[in-house]
């Protein structure tokens, strides 16, 4: 692996043998960091939203798991 920097970007070079699923997970994480870096939301707010999303998902999918 090689990491290079220019005035405008960081370039990461990996061999073709690298695991693409792991790379995709890593790229998704980097994208998340990029997208959320400008937001200043209290952790309490994030936790509450996550709870709401999880509750909604569970309500929709409960029947698939509990019979």
C-alpha atoms as a PDB file:
ATOM      1  CA  UNK A   1       0.000   0.000   0.000  1.00  0.00           C
ATOM      2  CA  UNK A   2       1.161   3.493  -0.807  1.00  0.00           C
ATOM      3  CA  UNK A   3      -0.296   6.780   0.386  1.00  0.00           C
ATOM      4  CA  UNK A   4       0.479   9.953  -1.527  1.00  0.00           C
ATOM      5  CA  UNK A   5      -0.648  13.507  -0.902  1.00  0.00           C
ATOM      6  CA  UNK A   6      -1.014  16.369  -3.327  1.00  0.00           C
ATOM      7  CA  UNK A   7      -2.180  19.937  -2.805  1.00  0.00           C
ATOM      8  CA  UNK A   8      -5.786  18.828  -3.325  1.00  0.00           C
ATOM      9  CA  UNK A   9      -6.120  15.167  -2.362  1.00  0.00           C
ATOM     10  CA  UNK A  10      -4.828  12.026  -0.701  1.00  0.00           C
ATOM     11  CA  UNK A  11      -4.193   9.059  -2.984  1.00  0.00           C
ATOM     12  CA  UNK A  12      -4.190   5.521  -1.600  1.00  0.00           C
ATOM     13  CA  UNK A  13      -2.776   2.826  -3.862  1.00  0.00           C
ATOM     14  CA  UNK A  14      -3.578  -0.807  -3.100  1.00  0.00           C
ATOM     15  CA  UNK A  15      -2.683  -4.045  -4.859  1.00  0.00           C
ATOM     16  CA  UNK A  16      -5.371  -5.681  -7.007  1.00  0.00           C
ATOM     17  CA  UNK A  17      -5.364  -8.593  -4.590  1.00  0.00           C
ATOM     18  CA  UNK A  18      -6.981  -6.466  -1.861  1.00  0.00           C
ATOM     19  CA  UNK A  19     -10.339  -7.737  -0.558  1.00  0.00           C
ATOM     20  CA  UNK A  20     -12.986  -5.621  -2.300  1.00  0.00           C
ATOM     21  CA  UNK A  21     -15.633  -6.106   0.408  1.00  0.00           C
ATOM     22  CA  UNK A  22     -13.263  -4.812   3.075  1.00  0.00           C
ATOM     23  CA  UNK A  23     -12.273  -1.930   0.827  1.00  0.00           C
ATOM     24  CA  UNK A  24     -15.914  -1.015   0.255  1.00  0.00           C
ATOM     25  CA  UNK A  25     -16.534  -0.990   4.016  1.00  0.00           C
ATOM     26  CA  UNK A  26     -13.526   1.276   4.459  1.00  0.00           C
ATOM     27  CA  UNK A  27     -14.630   3.621   1.663  1.00  0.00           C
ATOM     28  CA  UNK A  28     -18.135   3.769   3.150  1.00  0.00           C
ATOM     29  CA  UNK A  29     -16.628   4.734   6.500  1.00  0.00           C
ATOM     30  CA  UNK A  30     -14.515   7.461   4.897  1.00  0.00           C
ATOM     31  CA  UNK A  31     -17.594   8.781   3.088  1.00  0.00           C
ATOM     32  CA  UNK A  32     -19.480   8.853   6.397  1.00  0.00           C
ATOM     33  CA  UNK A  33     -16.643  10.838   8.005  1.00  0.00           C
ATOM     34  CA  UNK A  34     -16.602  13.252   5.070  1.00  0.00           C
ATOM     35  CA  UNK A  35     -20.372  13.790   5.150  1.00  0.00           C
ATOM     36  CA  UNK A  36     -20.667  14.226   8.904  1.00  0.00           C
ATOM     37  CA  UNK A  37     -17.547  16.299   9.519  1.00  0.00           C
ATOM     38  CA  UNK A  38     -19.418  19.592   9.145  1.00  0.00           C
ATOM     39  CA  UNK A  39     -22.270  18.695  11.483  1.00  0.00           C
ATOM     40  CA  UNK A  40     -22.154  19.597  15.146  1.00  0.00           C
ATOM     41  CA  UNK A  41     -25.003  17.561  16.599  1.00  0.00           C
ATOM     42  CA  UNK A  42     -25.022  16.524  20.259  1.00  0.00           C
ATOM     43  CA  UNK A  43     -24.596  12.772  20.810  1.00  0.00           C
ATOM     44  CA  UNK A  44     -27.917  12.725  22.700  1.00  0.00           C
ATOM     45  CA  UNK A  45     -29.714  13.835  19.531  1.00  0.00           C
ATOM     46  CA  UNK A  46     -27.954  11.202  17.440  1.00  0.00           C
ATOM     47  CA  UNK A  47     -28.825   8.501  19.979  1.00  0.00           C
ATOM     48  CA  UNK A  48     -32.484   9.540  20.052  1.00  0.00           C
ATOM     49  CA  UNK A  49     -32.716   9.474  16.253  1.00  0.00           C
ATOM     50  CA  UNK A  50     -31.043   6.052  16.130  1.00  0.00           C
ATOM     51  CA  UNK A  51     -33.559   4.765  18.689  1.00  0.00           C
ATOM     52  CA  UNK A  52     -36.453   6.072  16.577  1.00  0.00           C
ATOM     53  CA  UNK A  53     -35.091   4.472  13.416  1.00  0.00           C
ATOM     54  CA  UNK A  54     -34.484   1.152  15.170  1.00  0.00           C
ATOM     55  CA  UNK A  55     -37.967   1.155  16.724  1.00  0.00           C
ATOM     56  CA  UNK A  56     -39.546   1.827  13.331  1.00  0.00           C
ATOM     57  CA  UNK A  57     -37.512  -0.909  11.680  1.00  0.00           C
ATOM     58  CA  UNK A  58     -38.404  -3.390  14.424  1.00  0.00           C
ATOM     59  CA  UNK A  59     -42.104  -2.512  14.159  1.00  0.00           C
ATOM     60  CA  UNK A  60     -42.049  -3.196  10.398  1.00  0.00           C
ATOM     61  CA  UNK A  61     -39.955  -6.381  10.589  1.00  0.00           C
ATOM     62  CA  UNK A  62     -40.949  -7.968  13.898  1.00  0.00           C
ATOM     63  CA  UNK A  63     -43.212 -10.563  12.251  1.00  0.00           C
ATOM     64  CA  UNK A  64     -40.306 -11.836  10.174  1.00  0.00           C
ATOM     65  CA  UNK A  65     -38.383 -12.815  13.306  1.00  0.00           C
ATOM     66  CA  UNK A  66     -41.054 -13.683  15.884  1.00  0.00           C
ATOM     67  CA  UNK A  67     -43.774 -16.110  14.931  1.00  0.00           C
END
